[in-house]
Amino acid sequence: MSAAKTGPSPSDYLRQEEIPVVAQDLFDVYRRKVYFFPSTGKVLMKVLHHLKNNTIIEREKSSMPRLSQADTSGEVELF
């Protein structure tokens, strides 16, 4: 079974915005955690070989107090 293409790929977006791709890591079975630093354009990626299901839940719960106090004004562009 193949997946249906639903729209532009991230690669299409990067090309349109003239953002160079200097590395890629595709088609593996492991999840990835991506950190993006907009002020510098730096990206870090970590392959998650082992992750307990409750790890993500606990991290999300611990972020809630901080996020509920964060300034949510401004614009967001989704692609």
N, C-alpha and C. Protein backbone atom coordinates (compact mmCIF):
# COMPACT_ATOMS: atom_id res chain seq x y z
N MET A 1 0.85 -1.17 0.00
CA MET A 1 0.00 0.00 0.00
C MET A 1 0.89 1.24 0.00
N SER A 2 0.60 2.20 -0.86
CA SER A 2 1.39 3.43 -0.90
C SER A 2 0.57 4.59 -0.37
N ALA A 3 1.26 5.56 0.20
CA ALA A 3 0.58 6.72 0.76
C ALA A 3 0.26 7.71 -0.35
N ALA A 4 -0.89 8.35 -0.23
CA ALA A 4 -1.29 9.37 -1.21
C ALA A 4 -0.57 10.67 -0.90
N LYS A 5 -0.14 11.36 -1.93
CA LYS A 5 0.51 12.66 -1.74
C LYS A 5 -0.57 13.69 -1.42
N THR A 6 -0.41 14.39 -0.33
CA THR A 6 -1.45 15.32 0.13
C THR A 6 -1.12 16.78 -0.13
N GLY A 7 0.06 17.08 -0.61
CA GLY A 7 0.43 18.46 -0.86
C GLY A 7 1.92 18.59 -0.98
N PRO A 8 2.39 19.84 -0.94
CA PRO A 8 3.83 20.06 -1.08
C PRO A 8 4.61 19.38 0.05
N SER A 9 5.76 18.88 -0.29
CA SER A 9 6.61 18.24 0.72
C SER A 9 7.43 19.31 1.43
N PRO A 10 8.01 18.98 2.57
CA PRO A 10 8.92 19.93 3.21
C PRO A 10 10.06 20.35 2.27
N SER A 11 10.52 19.45 1.43
CA SER A 11 11.57 19.79 0.46
C SER A 11 11.10 20.87 -0.50
N ASP A 12 9.84 20.78 -0.94
CA ASP A 12 9.28 21.80 -1.83
C ASP A 12 9.27 23.15 -1.13
N TYR A 13 8.87 23.16 0.13
CA TYR A 13 8.82 24.41 0.89
C TYR A 13 10.22 25.02 1.03
N LEU A 14 11.18 24.20 1.38
CA LEU A 14 12.55 24.69 1.55
C LEU A 14 13.09 25.27 0.25
N ARG A 15 12.81 24.61 -0.85
CA ARG A 15 13.26 25.09 -2.16
C ARG A 15 12.60 26.43 -2.48
N GLN A 16 11.29 26.52 -2.24
CA GLN A 16 10.55 27.76 -2.51
C GLN A 16 11.09 28.92 -1.67
N GLU A 17 11.44 28.65 -0.42
CA GLU A 17 11.94 29.69 0.47
C GLU A 17 13.45 29.90 0.33
N GLU A 18 14.07 29.17 -0.60
CA GLU A 18 15.51 29.26 -0.85
C GLU A 18 16.33 28.95 0.40
N ILE A 19 15.88 27.93 1.12
CA ILE A 19 16.59 27.45 2.31
C ILE A 19 17.40 26.23 1.88
N PRO A 20 18.72 26.29 1.97
CA PRO A 20 19.52 25.16 1.50
C PRO A 20 19.39 23.94 2.42
N VAL A 21 19.34 22.77 1.83
CA VAL A 21 19.35 21.51 2.58
C VAL A 21 20.79 21.05 2.62
N VAL A 22 21.37 21.01 3.81
CA VAL A 22 22.78 20.63 3.92
C VAL A 22 22.95 19.19 4.40
N ALA A 23 21.86 18.58 4.85
CA ALA A 23 21.89 17.17 5.27
C ALA A 23 20.46 16.66 5.28
N GLN A 24 20.33 15.34 5.20
CA GLN A 24 19.00 14.74 5.30
C GLN A 24 19.11 13.36 5.92
N ASP A 25 18.02 12.94 6.55
CA ASP A 25 17.96 11.65 7.21
C ASP A 25 16.55 11.12 7.00
N LEU A 26 16.39 10.25 6.01
CA LEU A 26 15.06 9.80 5.62
C LEU A 26 14.96 8.28 5.62
N PHE A 27 13.73 7.81 5.63
CA PHE A 27 13.39 6.41 5.40
C PHE A 27 14.03 5.45 6.41
N ASP A 28 13.89 5.75 7.66
CA ASP A 28 14.36 4.83 8.70
C ASP A 28 13.16 4.48 9.57
N VAL A 29 13.30 3.52 10.44
CA VAL A 29 12.18 3.08 11.27
C VAL A 29 12.11 3.83 12.61
N TYR A 30 13.11 4.64 12.92
CA TYR A 30 13.15 5.31 14.21
C TYR A 30 12.57 6.71 14.14
N ARG A 31 11.97 7.12 15.26
CA ARG A 31 11.47 8.50 15.37
C ARG A 31 12.65 9.44 15.50
N ARG A 32 12.38 10.69 15.18
CA ARG A 32 13.41 11.71 15.33
C ARG A 32 12.85 12.86 16.16
N LYS A 33 13.73 13.47 16.91
CA LYS A 33 13.39 14.68 17.66
C LYS A 33 14.20 15.80 17.03
N VAL A 34 13.50 16.85 16.59
CA VAL A 34 14.16 17.94 15.88
C VAL A 34 14.08 19.20 16.71
N TYR A 35 15.21 19.84 16.89
CA TYR A 35 15.29 21.13 17.56
C TYR A 35 15.66 22.17 16.51
N PHE A 36 14.85 23.22 16.42
CA PHE A 36 15.12 24.29 15.45
C PHE A 36 15.29 25.60 16.21
N PHE A 37 16.36 26.31 15.91
CA PHE A 37 16.67 27.58 16.54
C PHE A 37 16.50 28.68 15.49
N PRO A 38 15.33 29.34 15.45
CA PRO A 38 15.05 30.32 14.39
C PRO A 38 16.03 31.48 14.34
N SER A 39 16.55 31.90 15.49
CA SER A 39 17.44 33.07 15.48
C SER A 39 18.75 32.79 14.76
N THR A 40 19.18 31.54 14.75
CA THR A 40 20.45 31.20 14.09
C THR A 40 20.25 30.33 12.84
N GLY A 41 19.09 29.71 12.72
CA GLY A 41 18.85 28.79 11.61
C GLY A 41 19.42 27.41 11.87
N LYS A 42 19.98 27.21 13.06
CA LYS A 42 20.59 25.92 13.39
C LYS A 42 19.51 24.87 13.67
N VAL A 43 19.76 23.65 13.22
CA VAL A 43 18.86 22.53 13.44
C VAL A 43 19.65 21.38 14.04
N LEU A 44 19.12 20.80 15.09
CA LEU A 44 19.70 19.59 15.67
C LEU A 44 18.68 18.48 15.56
N MET A 45 19.14 17.27 15.30
CA MET A 45 18.24 16.14 15.18
C MET A 45 18.80 14.97 15.97
N LYS A 46 17.92 14.35 16.72
CA LYS A 46 18.33 13.18 17.52
C LYS A 46 17.44 12.00 17.12
N VAL A 47 18.06 10.87 16.84
CA VAL A 47 17.33 9.65 16.54
C VAL A 47 16.94 9.00 17.87
N LEU A 48 15.66 8.68 18.01
CA LEU A 48 15.16 8.08 19.25
C LEU A 48 15.02 6.58 19.05
N HIS A 49 16.04 5.85 19.45
CA HIS A 49 16.01 4.39 19.30
C HIS A 49 15.06 3.75 20.29
N HIS A 50 15.05 4.26 21.50
CA HIS A 50 14.19 3.70 22.55
C HIS A 50 13.45 4.85 23.21
N LEU A 51 12.13 4.72 23.27
CA LEU A 51 11.33 5.75 23.90
C LEU A 51 10.10 5.08 24.48
N LYS A 52 9.94 5.21 25.76
CA LYS A 52 8.76 4.65 26.40
C LYS A 52 7.58 5.55 26.06
N ASN A 53 6.42 4.96 25.91
CA ASN A 53 5.23 5.74 25.55
C ASN A 53 4.94 6.83 26.57
N ASN A 54 5.18 6.57 27.84
CA ASN A 54 4.86 7.56 28.85
C ASN A 54 5.88 8.70 28.91
N THR A 55 7.02 8.55 28.26
CA THR A 55 8.03 9.61 28.25
C THR A 55 7.47 10.87 27.61
N ILE A 56 6.84 10.74 26.47
CA ILE A 56 6.29 11.90 25.77
C ILE A 56 5.16 12.52 26.60
N ILE A 57 4.32 11.71 27.18
CA ILE A 57 3.22 12.22 28.00
C ILE A 57 3.75 13.02 29.18
N GLU A 58 4.76 12.50 29.85
CA GLU A 58 5.34 13.20 31.00
C GLU A 58 5.99 14.51 30.59
N ARG A 59 6.67 14.53 29.47
CA ARG A 59 7.29 15.76 28.98
C ARG A 59 6.23 16.81 28.64
N GLU A 60 5.14 16.37 28.02
CA GLU A 60 4.06 17.30 27.68
C GLU A 60 3.43 17.88 28.95
N LYS A 61 3.20 17.03 29.94
CA LYS A 61 2.60 17.50 31.19
C LYS A 61 3.51 18.51 31.89
N SER A 62 4.81 18.26 31.86
CA SER A 62 5.73 19.17 32.54
C SER A 62 5.84 20.51 31.81
N SER A 63 5.50 20.54 30.53
CA SER A 63 5.55 21.79 29.76
C SER A 63 4.31 22.65 29.94
N MET A 64 3.21 22.07 30.36
CA MET A 64 1.94 22.80 30.43
C MET A 64 2.01 24.07 31.27
N PRO A 65 2.55 24.04 32.49
CA PRO A 65 2.59 25.29 33.28
C PRO A 65 3.36 26.41 32.58
N ARG A 66 4.48 26.08 31.99
CA ARG A 66 5.30 27.08 31.29
C ARG A 66 4.57 27.61 30.07
N LEU A 67 3.94 26.72 29.30
CA LEU A 67 3.26 27.14 28.09
C LEU A 67 2.01 27.96 28.38
N SER A 68 1.33 27.66 29.49
CA SER A 68 0.12 28.42 29.81
C SER A 68 0.45 29.87 30.17
N GLN A 69 1.70 30.14 30.54
CA GLN A 69 2.13 31.50 30.87
C GLN A 69 2.78 32.22 29.68
N ALA A 70 3.02 31.52 28.61
CA ALA A 70 3.75 32.08 27.47
C ALA A 70 2.87 33.06 26.69
N ASP A 71 3.52 34.06 26.10
CA ASP A 71 2.84 35.02 25.24
C ASP A 71 2.45 34.31 23.94
N THR A 72 1.17 34.33 23.63
CA THR A 72 0.69 33.63 22.44
C THR A 72 0.28 34.60 21.33
N SER A 73 0.65 35.87 21.48
CA SER A 73 0.31 36.83 20.43
C SER A 73 1.31 36.70 19.28
N GLY A 74 0.95 37.22 18.15
CA GLY A 74 1.83 37.18 16.99
C GLY A 74 1.24 36.32 15.89
N GLU A 75 2.02 36.16 14.83
CA GLU A 75 1.57 35.43 13.67
C GLU A 75 2.31 34.10 13.54
N VAL A 76 1.63 33.14 12.91
CA VAL A 76 2.24 31.84 12.63
C VAL A 76 1.94 31.52 11.18
N GLU A 77 2.95 31.10 10.45
CA GLU A 77 2.75 30.69 9.07
C GLU A 77 2.93 29.18 9.00
N LEU A 78 1.89 28.49 8.58
CA LEU A 78 1.95 27.04 8.42
C LEU A 78 2.06 26.73 6.95
N PHE A 79 2.82 25.70 6.65
CA PHE A 79 2.96 25.33 5.24
C PHE A 79 2.45 23.94 5.04
